[in-house]
Amino acid sequence: MSSSNLKGILYVLLASGSYGMVPYFALIAFDGGSNATTVILFRFLIAAIFLGAYLNIKKVDKKITTTKIFDIALYGALFYVAAALSLVMAYYYIPTGAATVLHFVYPASVVIIMVALFKEKVIAEKIFCLLLSIIGVVLLANGEGGILNPYGIFLGLISGVLYAVYIVAAGQGKLTCSDAIVSSYYLTVSASAILLIYGFLTNGIALNLTPMAWGAMAFIAIFSTAISLILFLRGVGQIGASNAAILSTMEPIVSVVIGVLLLGESLNISMISGTFLVLMSVGLLTYSEKRKSKIK
């Protein structure tokens, strides 16, 4: 396996793990007086400030073309914001673990979009890895138990479809420029602008929050957004959208582990089996990429 592919896999796995921590810290923010719109707004706003400060300190040139700004605002910010907002809103109606699992309709959606619109050739190994990851996610969902609210299910599923469009755009180079940090900066700035408009129109921005809520949103912004965006965009650029989507199924595993360790949620055979299948899909995909690199 080339060092580039190995780094790409590692970047996506690290980003997925960080994304998996969002539900836990979002619940802390909710308990401190926040809401879905506020969490997502400050997630991107704080991340934009953090990235902008970093780029200024490093004296990185932030100039990009108008076309690239438009692509980042449309394919990145708009679809990413809609996906993130839908997912966090789903936490109101169904358990966070179930919402995260439903969100993972997106790996299959990415592969379908890539095959249907971009004529990507899907080898048998990738299809097998995708099926393993889907079965694993379904088992994780069954492990949640209980009857789920239909609207919460809809929000979880639509967040996955919207996120799939974002990943495909990233894989096609719509969101990347010479520096992934610059791309992430413009993505978070565009997302913040969209959410500010949405928040004012809906009167959905809450500011009277506890210190714990602000701290939780800062963690989401810096670690689960700014840093994760950089890692994910770099990873997608190196291993492609379909592979990144399959590797991203590590996210619900992190959510389950956090739920068990920090929220006192139970762990059953279905959840253990689902975790094993997802890990197997990641391992097989990594092996497939390694063998393909050797053949080349």
Protein backbone atom coordinates (compact mmCIF):
# COMPACT_ATOMS: atom_id res chain seq x y z
CA MET A 1 0.00 0.00 0.00
CA SER A 2 1.29 3.44 -0.86
CA SER A 3 1.96 5.81 2.02
CA SER A 4 -0.64 8.16 0.50
CA ASN A 5 -3.39 5.53 0.67
CA LEU A 6 -2.42 4.51 4.19
CA LYS A 7 -2.51 8.12 5.35
CA GLY A 8 -5.87 8.62 3.62
CA ILE A 9 -7.36 5.64 5.47
CA LEU A 10 -5.93 6.87 8.78
CA TYR A 11 -7.26 10.40 8.20
CA VAL A 12 -10.79 9.16 7.51
CA LEU A 13 -10.77 6.81 10.51
CA LEU A 14 -9.59 9.59 12.84
CA ALA A 15 -12.21 11.98 11.47
CA SER A 16 -14.93 9.35 11.86
CA GLY A 17 -13.95 8.72 15.46
CA SER A 18 -14.12 12.42 16.20
CA TYR A 19 -17.51 12.75 14.49
CA GLY A 20 -18.76 9.89 16.66
CA MET A 21 -18.32 12.04 19.76
CA VAL A 22 -20.75 14.74 18.54
CA PRO A 23 -23.96 13.15 19.97
CA TYR A 24 -22.53 12.96 23.50
CA PHE A 25 -21.41 16.60 23.57
CA ALA A 26 -24.60 17.75 21.80
CA LEU A 27 -26.65 16.25 24.66
CA ILE A 28 -24.49 18.13 27.18
CA ALA A 29 -25.20 21.34 25.23
CA PHE A 30 -28.94 20.58 25.16
CA ASP A 31 -28.94 20.07 28.94
CA GLY A 32 -27.24 23.47 29.27
CA GLY A 33 -30.02 25.33 27.41
CA SER A 34 -28.91 24.96 23.78
CA ASN A 35 -30.88 23.63 20.82
CA ALA A 36 -30.13 22.04 17.45
CA THR A 37 -29.76 25.32 15.53
CA THR A 38 -27.49 26.85 18.19
CA VAL A 39 -25.28 23.77 18.45
CA ILE A 40 -24.74 23.58 14.68
CA LEU A 41 -24.31 27.36 14.31
CA PHE A 42 -21.59 27.62 16.94
CA ARG A 43 -20.08 24.34 15.75
CA PHE A 44 -19.21 26.02 12.46
CA LEU A 45 -18.74 29.58 13.74
CA ILE A 46 -16.17 28.64 16.41
CA ALA A 47 -14.48 26.31 13.91
CA ALA A 48 -14.27 29.14 11.35
CA ILE A 49 -12.67 31.47 13.93
CA PHE A 50 -10.24 28.72 14.99
CA LEU A 51 -9.21 27.92 11.40
CA GLY A 52 -9.00 31.58 10.41
CA ALA A 53 -6.73 32.35 13.35
CA TYR A 54 -4.51 29.37 12.50
CA LEU A 55 -4.19 30.43 8.86
CA ASN A 56 -3.36 34.01 9.88
CA ILE A 57 -0.71 32.87 12.38
CA LYS A 58 0.86 30.62 9.75
CA LYS A 59 0.50 33.40 7.14
CA VAL A 60 -1.21 31.03 4.70
CA ASP A 61 -2.61 32.58 1.53
CA LYS A 62 -6.42 32.19 1.71
CA LYS A 63 -7.12 33.39 -1.84
CA ILE A 64 -9.18 31.00 -3.96
CA THR A 65 -11.27 31.43 -7.10
CA THR A 66 -14.87 32.65 -7.07
CA THR A 67 -15.95 29.36 -8.65
CA LYS A 68 -14.33 27.40 -5.84
CA ILE A 69 -16.03 29.57 -3.19
CA PHE A 70 -19.38 28.91 -4.91
CA ASP A 71 -18.72 25.16 -4.99
CA ILE A 72 -17.75 25.10 -1.32
CA ALA A 73 -20.80 27.15 -0.33
CA LEU A 74 -23.24 25.06 -2.40
CA TYR A 75 -21.98 21.49 -2.27
CA GLY A 76 -20.12 21.76 1.00
CA ALA A 77 -21.77 24.23 3.34
CA LEU A 78 -25.38 23.88 2.18
CA PHE A 79 -25.51 20.09 2.09
CA TYR A 80 -23.24 19.67 5.11
CA VAL A 81 -25.32 22.13 7.15
CA ALA A 82 -28.59 20.48 6.13
CA ALA A 83 -27.18 17.04 6.99
CA ALA A 84 -25.76 18.16 10.36
CA LEU A 85 -28.92 20.06 11.35
CA SER A 86 -31.18 17.14 10.39
CA LEU A 87 -29.07 14.72 12.41
CA VAL A 88 -28.94 16.87 15.55
CA MET A 89 -32.70 17.51 15.29
CA ALA A 90 -33.20 13.74 15.16
CA TYR A 91 -31.69 13.54 18.69
CA TYR A 92 -34.90 15.19 19.98
CA TYR A 93 -37.05 12.31 18.76
CA ILE A 94 -34.95 9.13 18.88
CA PRO A 95 -31.89 7.93 20.83
CA THR A 96 -28.59 9.40 19.62
CA GLY A 97 -27.21 5.97 18.80
CA ALA A 98 -30.23 5.13 16.64
CA ALA A 99 -30.02 8.51 14.88
CA THR A 100 -26.32 8.00 14.13
CA VAL A 101 -27.00 4.52 12.78
CA LEU A 102 -29.83 5.75 10.50
CA HIS A 103 -27.51 8.49 9.27
CA PHE A 104 -25.34 5.69 7.92
CA VAL A 105 -27.56 5.17 4.93
CA TYR A 106 -24.94 7.42 3.33
CA PRO A 107 -22.22 4.86 2.49
CA ALA A 108 -24.67 3.00 0.25
CA SER A 109 -25.96 6.32 -1.10
CA VAL A 110 -22.42 7.40 -2.02
CA VAL A 111 -21.73 4.19 -3.91
CA ILE A 112 -25.09 4.45 -5.74
CA ILE A 113 -24.42 8.08 -6.73
CA MET A 114 -20.87 7.29 -7.88
CA VAL A 115 -22.06 4.37 -10.01
CA ALA A 116 -25.18 6.08 -11.40
CA LEU A 117 -23.76 9.55 -12.13
CA PHE A 118 -20.01 9.03 -12.46
CA LYS A 119 -19.92 5.47 -13.84
CA GLU A 120 -17.51 4.33 -11.14
CA LYS A 121 -16.57 0.67 -11.46
CA VAL A 122 -17.42 -1.18 -8.27
CA ILE A 123 -15.36 -4.31 -7.70
CA ALA A 124 -16.80 -7.32 -5.88
CA GLU A 125 -14.59 -6.71 -2.83
CA LYS A 126 -15.95 -3.20 -2.38
CA ILE A 127 -19.55 -4.42 -2.70
CA PHE A 128 -18.83 -7.11 -0.10
CA CYS A 129 -17.29 -4.52 2.26
CA LEU A 130 -20.30 -2.26 1.76
CA LEU A 131 -22.73 -5.10 2.54
CA LEU A 132 -20.76 -6.02 5.66
CA SER A 133 -20.84 -2.43 6.89
CA ILE A 134 -24.60 -2.11 6.17
CA ILE A 135 -25.39 -5.34 8.02
CA GLY A 136 -23.18 -4.20 10.88
CA VAL A 137 -24.96 -0.85 11.12
CA VAL A 138 -28.37 -2.60 11.05
CA LEU A 139 -27.27 -4.85 13.91
CA LEU A 140 -26.12 -1.79 15.85
CA ALA A 141 -29.55 -0.24 15.23
CA ASN A 142 -31.35 -3.37 16.47
CA GLY A 143 -29.23 -3.22 19.58
CA GLU A 144 -30.87 0.10 20.46
CA GLY A 145 -34.27 -1.56 20.92
CA GLY A 146 -37.65 0.11 21.33
CA ILE A 147 -40.08 1.74 18.90
CA LEU A 148 -38.63 4.77 17.13
CA ASN A 149 -40.46 8.00 16.31
CA PRO A 150 -41.20 8.11 12.51
CA TYR A 151 -40.18 11.77 12.20
CA GLY A 152 -36.91 11.02 14.00
CA ILE A 153 -36.31 8.14 11.59
CA PHE A 154 -36.95 10.46 8.63
CA LEU A 155 -34.52 13.07 9.96
CA GLY A 156 -31.83 10.46 10.52
CA LEU A 157 -32.23 9.02 7.01
CA ILE A 158 -32.39 12.36 5.17
CA SER A 159 -29.25 13.51 7.02
CA GLY A 160 -27.46 10.52 5.52
CA VAL A 161 -28.63 11.23 1.96
CA LEU A 162 -27.59 14.89 2.22
CA TYR A 163 -24.23 13.90 3.67
CA ALA A 164 -23.70 11.50 0.76
CA VAL A 165 -23.96 14.42 -1.68
CA TYR A 166 -21.36 16.29 0.39
CA ILE A 167 -18.95 13.33 0.29
CA VAL A 168 -19.38 12.85 -3.46
CA ALA A 169 -18.68 16.55 -4.00
CA ALA A 170 -15.54 16.23 -1.87
CA GLY A 171 -14.45 13.18 -3.84
CA GLN A 172 -14.92 15.05 -7.13
CA GLY A 173 -12.66 17.86 -5.93
CA LYS A 174 -15.49 20.39 -5.53
CA LEU A 175 -14.46 21.21 -1.95
CA THR A 176 -10.69 21.02 -2.14
CA CYS A 177 -8.05 23.53 -3.17
CA SER A 178 -4.30 23.60 -2.69
CA ASP A 179 -4.67 23.37 1.11
CA ALA A 180 -7.30 21.31 2.97
CA ILE A 181 -7.20 23.81 5.85
CA VAL A 182 -8.13 26.66 3.49
CA SER A 183 -11.00 24.55 2.09
CA SER A 184 -12.19 23.77 5.62
CA TYR A 185 -12.01 27.45 6.54
CA TYR A 186 -14.25 28.54 3.66
CA LEU A 187 -16.60 25.64 4.32
CA THR A 188 -17.08 26.64 7.96
CA VAL A 189 -17.45 30.35 7.08
CA SER A 190 -20.11 29.55 4.45
CA ALA A 191 -21.90 27.19 6.84
CA SER A 192 -21.89 29.84 9.59
CA ALA A 193 -23.45 32.42 7.23
CA ILE A 194 -26.20 30.00 6.19
CA LEU A 195 -26.98 29.10 9.80
CA LEU A 196 -26.99 32.72 10.98
CA ILE A 197 -29.63 33.54 8.37
CA TYR A 198 -31.62 30.42 9.23
CA GLY A 199 -31.34 31.10 12.97
CA PHE A 200 -32.54 34.71 12.68
CA LEU A 201 -35.43 33.75 10.41
CA THR A 202 -36.59 31.01 12.77
CA ASN A 203 -35.66 32.81 16.00
CA GLY A 204 -33.82 29.63 16.93
CA ILE A 205 -30.53 30.96 18.33
CA ALA A 206 -30.17 30.53 22.11
CA LEU A 207 -27.45 32.47 23.93
CA ASN A 208 -28.35 32.06 27.61
CA LEU A 209 -26.35 28.87 28.09
CA THR A 210 -24.41 27.26 30.92
CA PRO A 211 -20.59 27.14 30.84
CA MET A 212 -20.84 23.37 30.27
CA ALA A 213 -22.96 23.97 27.17
CA TRP A 214 -20.46 26.47 25.75
CA GLY A 215 -17.60 24.08 26.51
CA ALA A 216 -19.38 21.19 24.80
CA MET A 217 -20.05 23.27 21.69
CA ALA A 218 -16.43 24.45 21.64
CA PHE A 219 -15.26 20.82 21.74
CA ILE A 220 -17.58 19.91 18.86
CA ALA A 221 -16.38 22.94 16.88
CA ILE A 222 -12.64 22.46 17.30
CA PHE A 223 -12.14 18.69 17.50
CA SER A 224 -15.24 17.25 15.79
CA THR A 225 -15.45 19.91 13.08
CA ALA A 226 -12.32 21.97 12.34
CA ILE A 227 -9.71 19.26 12.82
CA SER A 228 -11.98 16.48 11.54
CA LEU A 229 -12.86 18.42 8.39
CA ILE A 230 -9.19 18.81 7.54
CA LEU A 231 -8.52 15.12 8.10
CA PHE A 232 -11.61 14.00 6.19
CA LEU A 233 -11.06 16.20 3.14
CA ARG A 234 -7.44 15.06 2.94
CA GLY A 235 -8.52 11.45 3.30
CA VAL A 236 -11.25 11.62 0.64
CA GLY A 237 -8.80 13.24 -1.75
CA GLN A 238 -6.39 10.31 -1.32
CA ILE A 239 -8.67 7.25 -1.23
CA GLY A 240 -11.87 8.41 -2.98
CA ALA A 241 -15.48 9.00 -1.91
CA SER A 242 -16.69 5.37 -1.90
CA ASN A 243 -13.81 4.08 0.22
CA ALA A 244 -14.12 7.02 2.62
CA ALA A 245 -17.85 6.35 3.01
CA ILE A 246 -17.26 2.71 3.95
CA LEU A 247 -14.47 3.57 6.40
CA SER A 248 -16.73 6.19 7.99
CA THR A 249 -18.93 3.42 9.38
CA MET A 250 -16.49 3.49 12.29
CA GLU A 251 -18.46 6.51 13.56
CA PRO A 252 -21.44 4.62 15.06
CA ILE A 253 -19.02 2.29 16.85
CA VAL A 254 -17.50 5.30 18.61
CA SER A 255 -21.01 6.51 19.46
CA VAL A 256 -21.89 3.10 20.92
CA VAL A 257 -18.67 2.93 22.97
CA ILE A 258 -19.25 6.43 24.36
CA GLY A 259 -22.86 5.51 25.13
CA VAL A 260 -21.76 2.45 27.10
CA LEU A 261 -18.84 4.09 28.92
CA LEU A 262 -20.24 7.57 29.59
CA LEU A 263 -24.03 7.31 29.35
CA GLY A 264 -24.48 3.94 31.02
CA GLU A 265 -26.15 2.37 27.99
CA SER A 266 -26.27 -1.41 27.74
CA LEU A 267 -24.16 -3.50 25.35
CA ASN A 268 -25.75 -6.62 23.84
CA ILE A 269 -24.88 -9.35 21.34
CA SER A 270 -26.45 -7.48 18.42
CA MET A 271 -24.30 -4.41 19.06
CA ILE A 272 -21.13 -6.49 19.52
CA SER A 273 -21.84 -8.39 16.28
CA GLY A 274 -22.50 -5.14 14.40
CA THR A 275 -19.26 -3.66 15.67
CA PHE A 276 -17.34 -6.76 14.58
CA LEU A 277 -18.80 -6.64 11.04
CA VAL A 278 -18.03 -2.94 10.62
CA LEU A 279 -14.45 -3.50 11.79
CA MET A 280 -14.18 -6.43 9.39
CA SER A 281 -15.37 -4.27 6.48
CA VAL A 282 -12.74 -1.66 7.34
CA GLY A 283 -10.00 -4.29 7.54
CA LEU A 284 -10.98 -5.92 4.24
CA LEU A 285 -11.18 -2.60 2.45
CA THR A 286 -7.75 -1.64 3.75
CA TYR A 287 -6.35 -5.00 2.60
CA SER A 288 -8.01 -4.59 -0.82
CA GLU A 289 -6.42 -1.15 -1.26
CA LYS A 290 -3.04 -2.53 -0.22
CA ARG A 291 -3.24 -5.40 -2.74
CA LYS A 292 -4.42 -3.05 -5.50
CA SER A 293 -1.44 -0.75 -4.88
CA LYS A 294 0.95 -3.71 -5.14
CA ILE A 295 -0.59 -4.78 -8.46
CA LYS A 296 -0.12 -1.25 -9.85
